[in-house]
């Protein structure tokens, strides 16, 4: 299955698809750097989590699919983990 691509390096959000957990996982310009350890992105992700009571639409969809908050990495043992995480590349 090919990896989804989002326009403008993730800045073009899939507004018409609010239940797309893959946008949060591979395309979100806030969540992806926050999971990689960027302190500024973590700061903004924490503000977003507090203001929206749990994250944006895509972060909530990611939590429903993978069972973790948008700012936390997915465990390699999760059955629905993206292809590159299960192969050890993530």
N, C-alpha and C. Protein backbone atom coordinates (compact mmCIF):
# COMPACT_ATOMS: atom_id res chain seq x y z
N UNK A 1 0.85 -1.17 0.00
CA UNK A 1 0.00 0.00 0.00
C UNK A 1 0.89 1.24 0.00
N UNK A 2 0.73 2.13 -0.97
CA UNK A 2 1.58 3.32 -1.02
C UNK A 2 1.26 4.28 0.12
N UNK A 3 2.30 4.97 0.56
CA UNK A 3 2.13 5.94 1.64
C UNK A 3 1.36 7.14 1.12
N UNK A 4 0.44 7.66 1.94
CA UNK A 4 -0.35 8.82 1.54
C UNK A 4 0.55 10.04 1.46
N UNK A 5 0.24 10.92 0.55
CA UNK A 5 0.98 12.17 0.40
C UNK A 5 0.02 13.32 0.69
N UNK A 6 0.48 14.29 1.42
CA UNK A 6 -0.31 15.47 1.73
C UNK A 6 0.42 16.68 1.16
N UNK A 7 -0.32 17.59 0.54
CA UNK A 7 0.28 18.75 -0.12
C UNK A 7 1.04 19.66 0.82
N UNK A 8 2.01 20.34 0.27
CA UNK A 8 2.81 21.34 0.98
C UNK A 8 3.48 20.78 2.22
N UNK A 9 3.98 19.56 2.18
CA UNK A 9 4.64 18.90 3.32
C UNK A 9 3.74 18.82 4.54
N UNK A 10 2.46 18.58 4.33
CA UNK A 10 1.54 18.43 5.45
C UNK A 10 0.77 19.67 5.81
N UNK A 11 1.16 20.81 5.27
CA UNK A 11 0.45 22.05 5.61
C UNK A 11 -0.92 22.12 4.95
N UNK A 12 -1.14 21.37 3.90
CA UNK A 12 -2.45 21.31 3.26
C UNK A 12 -3.23 20.18 3.91
N UNK A 13 -4.05 20.53 4.88
CA UNK A 13 -4.75 19.53 5.69
C UNK A 13 -5.95 18.96 4.95
N UNK A 14 -6.27 17.69 5.17
CA UNK A 14 -7.45 17.08 4.54
C UNK A 14 -8.73 17.49 5.28
N UNK A 15 -9.15 18.73 5.07
CA UNK A 15 -10.30 19.30 5.79
C UNK A 15 -11.56 18.47 5.60
N UNK A 16 -11.76 17.91 4.43
CA UNK A 16 -12.97 17.15 4.15
C UNK A 16 -12.91 15.73 4.69
N UNK A 17 -11.78 15.34 5.27
CA UNK A 17 -11.62 14.00 5.83
C UNK A 17 -11.12 14.09 7.28
N UNK A 18 -11.98 14.50 8.21
CA UNK A 18 -11.53 14.69 9.60
C UNK A 18 -11.23 13.39 10.35
N UNK A 19 -11.60 12.25 9.80
CA UNK A 19 -11.33 10.97 10.47
C UNK A 19 -10.16 10.23 9.83
N UNK A 20 -9.17 10.97 9.34
CA UNK A 20 -8.00 10.38 8.69
C UNK A 20 -6.84 10.34 9.69
N UNK A 21 -6.63 9.23 10.39
CA UNK A 21 -5.55 9.18 11.38
C UNK A 21 -4.16 9.23 10.77
N UNK A 22 -4.05 8.90 9.48
CA UNK A 22 -2.75 8.89 8.83
C UNK A 22 -2.20 10.30 8.64
N UNK A 23 -3.07 11.30 8.55
CA UNK A 23 -2.56 12.67 8.44
C UNK A 23 -1.80 13.04 9.71
N UNK A 24 -2.33 12.71 10.87
CA UNK A 24 -1.64 12.99 12.12
C UNK A 24 -0.35 12.19 12.21
N UNK A 25 -0.37 10.97 11.71
CA UNK A 25 0.78 10.08 11.83
C UNK A 25 1.93 10.47 10.91
N UNK A 26 1.64 10.86 9.66
CA UNK A 26 2.73 11.09 8.71
C UNK A 26 2.76 12.48 8.11
N UNK A 27 1.70 13.30 8.27
CA UNK A 27 1.67 14.57 7.58
C UNK A 27 1.51 15.81 8.42
N UNK A 28 1.14 15.69 9.67
CA UNK A 28 0.85 16.88 10.49
C UNK A 28 2.13 17.67 10.79
N UNK A 29 2.13 18.98 10.51
CA UNK A 29 3.33 19.78 10.75
C UNK A 29 3.60 20.06 12.23
N UNK A 30 2.66 19.73 13.12
CA UNK A 30 2.87 19.91 14.56
C UNK A 30 3.16 18.58 15.23
N UNK A 31 2.33 17.59 15.00
CA UNK A 31 2.45 16.31 15.71
C UNK A 31 3.69 15.51 15.34
N UNK A 32 4.03 15.47 14.06
CA UNK A 32 5.17 14.68 13.63
C UNK A 32 6.47 15.19 14.27
N UNK A 33 6.77 16.51 14.21
CA UNK A 33 7.99 16.98 14.90
C UNK A 33 7.92 16.81 16.42
N UNK A 34 6.71 16.93 16.99
CA UNK A 34 6.57 16.75 18.44
C UNK A 34 6.92 15.32 18.84
N UNK A 35 6.51 14.35 18.04
CA UNK A 35 6.85 12.96 18.34
C UNK A 35 8.33 12.69 18.14
N UNK A 36 8.98 13.46 17.27
CA UNK A 36 10.42 13.29 17.05
C UNK A 36 11.26 14.01 18.09
N UNK A 37 10.63 14.77 19.01
CA UNK A 37 11.36 15.38 20.09
C UNK A 37 11.58 16.88 19.98
N UNK A 38 11.02 17.55 18.98
CA UNK A 38 11.17 18.99 18.82
C UNK A 38 10.43 19.70 19.96
N UNK A 39 11.16 20.47 20.75
CA UNK A 39 10.58 21.09 21.95
C UNK A 39 9.54 22.15 21.61
N UNK A 40 9.76 22.92 20.55
CA UNK A 40 8.80 23.95 20.16
C UNK A 40 7.50 23.29 19.69
N UNK A 41 7.62 22.23 18.89
CA UNK A 41 6.43 21.52 18.42
C UNK A 41 5.70 20.86 19.58
N UNK A 42 6.45 20.32 20.55
CA UNK A 42 5.80 19.74 21.74
C UNK A 42 5.02 20.79 22.51
N UNK A 43 5.60 22.00 22.62
CA UNK A 43 4.93 23.09 23.30
C UNK A 43 3.60 23.40 22.62
N UNK A 44 3.61 23.55 21.29
CA UNK A 44 2.38 23.84 20.57
C UNK A 44 1.40 22.67 20.61
N UNK A 45 1.90 21.45 20.58
CA UNK A 45 1.03 20.27 20.67
C UNK A 45 0.34 20.23 22.03
N UNK A 46 1.07 20.57 23.09
CA UNK A 46 0.46 20.59 24.43
C UNK A 46 -0.61 21.68 24.54
N UNK A 47 -0.35 22.83 23.93
CA UNK A 47 -1.36 23.89 23.92
C UNK A 47 -2.59 23.42 23.15
N UNK A 48 -2.38 22.82 22.00
CA UNK A 48 -3.49 22.31 21.20
C UNK A 48 -4.30 21.28 21.97
N UNK A 49 -3.62 20.37 22.66
CA UNK A 49 -4.31 19.33 23.43
C UNK A 49 -5.15 19.96 24.55
N UNK A 50 -4.64 21.01 25.18
CA UNK A 50 -5.36 21.66 26.27
C UNK A 50 -6.56 22.45 25.76
N UNK A 51 -6.37 23.17 24.68
CA UNK A 51 -7.44 24.03 24.16
C UNK A 51 -8.56 23.21 23.53
N UNK A 52 -8.23 22.14 22.83
CA UNK A 52 -9.24 21.34 22.14
C UNK A 52 -9.70 20.13 22.94
N UNK A 53 -9.24 20.00 24.17
CA UNK A 53 -9.61 18.88 25.05
C UNK A 53 -9.29 17.52 24.43
N UNK A 54 -8.08 17.37 23.91
CA UNK A 54 -7.66 16.06 23.41
C UNK A 54 -7.08 16.05 22.02
N UNK A 55 -6.95 17.19 21.39
CA UNK A 55 -6.33 17.24 20.06
C UNK A 55 -7.32 17.56 18.96
N UNK A 56 -6.79 17.77 17.78
CA UNK A 56 -7.62 18.09 16.62
C UNK A 56 -8.35 16.83 16.14
N UNK A 57 -9.10 16.98 15.06
CA UNK A 57 -9.86 15.85 14.51
C UNK A 57 -8.96 14.68 14.18
N UNK A 58 -7.84 14.98 13.52
CA UNK A 58 -6.96 13.92 13.06
C UNK A 58 -6.22 13.28 14.23
N UNK A 59 -5.90 14.07 15.25
CA UNK A 59 -5.27 13.52 16.44
C UNK A 59 -6.21 12.59 17.19
N UNK A 60 -7.47 12.96 17.23
CA UNK A 60 -8.47 12.09 17.88
C UNK A 60 -8.66 10.80 17.09
N UNK A 61 -8.67 10.92 15.76
CA UNK A 61 -8.79 9.72 14.91
C UNK A 61 -7.58 8.82 15.12
N UNK A 62 -6.39 9.41 15.26
CA UNK A 62 -5.18 8.63 15.52
C UNK A 62 -5.27 7.93 16.87
N UNK A 63 -5.83 8.61 17.87
CA UNK A 63 -5.97 7.98 19.18
C UNK A 63 -6.96 6.82 19.11
N UNK A 64 -8.04 6.97 18.33
CA UNK A 64 -9.00 5.86 18.19
C UNK A 64 -8.35 4.67 17.49
N UNK A 65 -7.50 4.94 16.48
CA UNK A 65 -6.91 3.84 15.71
C UNK A 65 -5.75 3.18 16.44
N UNK A 66 -4.83 3.98 17.02
CA UNK A 66 -3.62 3.43 17.62
C UNK A 66 -3.63 3.38 19.14
N UNK A 67 -4.54 4.12 19.78
CA UNK A 67 -4.64 4.08 21.22
C UNK A 67 -3.64 4.94 21.97
N UNK A 68 -3.00 5.90 21.30
CA UNK A 68 -2.05 6.80 21.95
C UNK A 68 -2.38 8.24 21.58
N UNK A 69 -1.97 9.18 22.43
CA UNK A 69 -2.19 10.59 22.16
C UNK A 69 -1.40 11.04 20.94
N UNK A 70 -1.81 12.14 20.30
CA UNK A 70 -1.12 12.60 19.10
C UNK A 70 0.36 12.93 19.30
N UNK A 71 0.75 13.29 20.51
CA UNK A 71 2.15 13.66 20.73
C UNK A 71 3.01 12.49 21.19
N UNK A 72 2.45 11.29 21.22
CA UNK A 72 3.19 10.11 21.66
C UNK A 72 3.42 9.16 20.47
N UNK A 73 4.58 8.52 20.41
CA UNK A 73 4.84 7.59 19.29
C UNK A 73 4.02 6.32 19.43
N UNK A 74 3.76 5.69 18.29
CA UNK A 74 3.01 4.43 18.25
C UNK A 74 3.96 3.29 18.56
N UNK A 75 3.53 2.37 19.39
CA UNK A 75 4.34 1.19 19.70
C UNK A 75 4.47 0.32 18.45
N UNK A 76 5.57 -0.37 18.31
CA UNK A 76 5.77 -1.24 17.16
C UNK A 76 4.84 -2.45 17.17
N UNK A 77 4.24 -2.75 18.31
CA UNK A 77 3.39 -3.92 18.43
C UNK A 77 1.93 -3.64 18.07
N UNK A 78 1.59 -2.39 17.77
CA UNK A 78 0.22 -2.04 17.43
C UNK A 78 -0.10 -2.64 16.07
N UNK A 79 -1.23 -3.34 15.98
CA UNK A 79 -1.59 -4.04 14.75
C UNK A 79 -1.79 -3.10 13.57
N UNK A 80 -2.33 -1.91 13.80
CA UNK A 80 -2.60 -0.99 12.70
C UNK A 80 -1.49 0.00 12.45
N UNK A 81 -0.29 -0.25 12.98
CA UNK A 81 0.82 0.70 12.82
C UNK A 81 1.17 0.85 11.34
N UNK A 82 1.61 2.04 10.95
CA UNK A 82 1.98 2.26 9.55
C UNK A 82 3.07 1.30 9.09
N UNK A 83 3.13 1.06 7.82
CA UNK A 83 4.04 0.09 7.22
C UNK A 83 5.49 0.30 7.63
N UNK A 84 5.97 1.55 7.58
CA UNK A 84 7.38 1.79 7.87
C UNK A 84 7.71 1.59 9.35
N UNK A 85 6.72 1.72 10.25
CA UNK A 85 6.99 1.46 11.66
C UNK A 85 7.14 -0.04 11.93
N UNK A 86 6.32 -0.85 11.24
CA UNK A 86 6.40 -2.29 11.46
C UNK A 86 7.67 -2.88 10.88
N UNK A 87 8.25 -2.22 9.88
CA UNK A 87 9.50 -2.71 9.30
C UNK A 87 10.72 -2.18 10.01
N UNK A 88 10.54 -1.40 11.07
CA UNK A 88 11.66 -0.91 11.84
C UNK A 88 12.31 0.35 11.28
N UNK A 89 11.66 0.99 10.31
CA UNK A 89 12.25 2.20 9.73
C UNK A 89 11.82 3.45 10.48
N UNK A 90 10.80 3.39 11.35
CA UNK A 90 10.26 4.58 11.98
C UNK A 90 10.79 4.90 13.29
